[in-house]
Amino acid sequence: MTKKEAFLLAAMIFSCVAPVSQAGASILYKKYLVANYGGVEILCEPYTVRKDDSVIKLLREKGEISANDFPEFFRIFQSINPRISDINLIRQNDEIYIPLKKLTPNSLPGQSTGVVSIPLVSLTSFGEMLEAHTEEHTIKEGDNVSGIIDKYFQPSSPEEEKRGLDLFKKLNPEITSLDQISAGEKIVVPKASIKTQPWFKSMYETKGSPHPEKKTVQKIEEQPLLKKSPSPLQSAEPPPMEKFASLVGGKIYKTGQYFIPKPDGGVHKIDLSKDPMIDVEGGGKVLFCENYESITDSDKAAIKKAMPDTSIIDADKTGTVEGIIDSMASASVLRKPGAPVILNSDNALIEIMPEWLFVPGRTSSEKKVFLTPLADDSKKSHAFFIDYLKHVKGVLLKEMGGGKKDTKEPQKDYFVDETETVTFSVQSQLYANLSIALGYSYSENAQHSIAMEDGQNTDITADTIYSPDGQIFVLADSELSQDNVKALKESGIRVLEFPEQNSEETDFSESTISHFLEMLGCKTQINPTLKILTTRSGDPYVTIKPAGVHARTPRNTEYIITKGKFASPVTAALQQTGIKTVILSFNSFY
């Protein structure tokens, strides 16, 4: 097969993508979307964003747009791409529509349906176009197909490598096995320049095909323009800036340029390679300017108008994380909270006193955003608790762990609920089941052989609780005589005596529970304030005030005994600090 025959055959194979026969020649077509913008129909191309793409670059390369129409087409772009919240931030592999030009009514076949097919290239010239971007290669000893493709096609990703291999197969159909090529054999290899051809890109664009329904879009406000879209850094950054972005869960941008329109008709340029920007979820963007003093007040006003959720910070003092925080505080991005934030939760109050508060009203976020330095990563809030505060209570916790890593198993975004429920109908059941829930053992009608004053042993039967460290507690009831109580005490057995009460009533008030547990040797507090997390300086940061009794057993295990269930994330936060929950459930039929 000659080289020319190979090109013609490849062209025929490519025509299988979307061929239409017309006037004796095959033509390759591509589908486009027709969107309605303010009563005007706009031709739009489905497109998958590639590396280094930006909106302004795509409009210039693909669209038929005059300089005066660019602002309007930026608005059209955002309207037909509602998932792109900021046209300055399109990213590789985003699937978008590119507005190309305005259409007059019925100027294209099928225009009224919202989808049209436009010819890309005819096969009469396709072979010549392929030939211009290929090269003949004579196989040498040691050559392999993969290495040859790498040399000529220069793939930059696994996807491009697949495309290069696909092209090679189409250009060399006589090669049936890629593992069997012989020295001296001549083959046709695609060159890297073929990747720049619009018809080539379209051959492989399977994503972003238009939806068959016709789109109607609304006008929106004009956005600031970008020459090159910033993208989150993947490589290592200078430690302080990278560390701060990581600690607050933000994204750092150091590539791309903003061109901000000024009132006098000029443009203020922001080069992110010199002036990096950090985007903090809920806290807006922070721009760190290297030559802060040289930025005029009018330039700052122009930046604030174009990017209202962006604060401008002097980068001169950002050599450390602490310096970054101090600079943000000086610029009124952060401030010290005047009082703790109190949140109502099921059966509990949550109190948060962060080190810093992102200043309200600076961003469009309705959430409160807190920043707090902690001793280390192991002291951070449970992920389940953080998610609950964010989505249910409108509070974002940004916790800085100080760089130390937790030596324990990493936190998960779920937890195993260890809550126990104590069900009872009478007082004795309450005491028995509660003591078991707290790690004690219980025996009903236990026998105790006790030496009496007359020297004789007697067996005393009573409900008995045994502590983990071997102490014995007998529950005194109306059937236990005073002589037996005295004998039990003299033998070293502790007798739990309770105030008289109506035998038909069950008292499970906080005071009764507290009294019972203290007789078992526990330390208790009613409706406690529990310090869940502290700041790096040791001050309370997150506290929870549950309704119920906090008990610390002689073995230092901690429990909250309560009558109502907590929200699961609150239970998770309590468990994270080693506090288990016990729920009292009265059931008259138990």
Foldseek 3Di string as FASTA:
>chain_A
DDLLVLLLQLLVVLCVLAWDDDPNWTFRKDKWFWAAEPNWTWTKHKDFDAPFDALVVCQVVAAPDDPVCVQVQQQVQCFQVVVPVASLADDGRDIGIHGHDTDDPPPAPPVVQRMGMDTDGISVCRSVVQVVFKDKDFDAPPDAPQVVQCVFQVDPDPVSSVVQVVSQCSSCVVPPDRGDDDGRDIGMGGGNVVVPDPVSSSSPPPPRRDDSHHHYGYGDDGAFDWPTRWDFDPDDDQPAVVQLLVLQVKTKTQQTKTWFAFPVRHTDIDHSVQWMKIQHVLLAIETAHAPVVPQDPRNVVSCCVNRQLYFYWHNPQRNHNVSVVVRCVVSLQKDQDPAWDWDDFVQKIKTFHARIWGDPPSDPQPATEGEFEACAPLQDFALLLQVCCVPPVRYHYRYGGPPDDDPDDDHDNDDDAPEAEQEDAFAVSNLQSVLVVVPKHKDAQDWDFFQAPVRDTDIDTFIWIAHPVGAIEGEDDPVQDPRNCVRCVVVVHHYDYDDDDDRNDHDDDQVVVCSSVVSQVKDKDAQDWAQLGAGHVRHRGMIMRGGAMWIQHPVRQIEGEEADDTDVSVQVSCVSVRYHYYHYHYDNVD
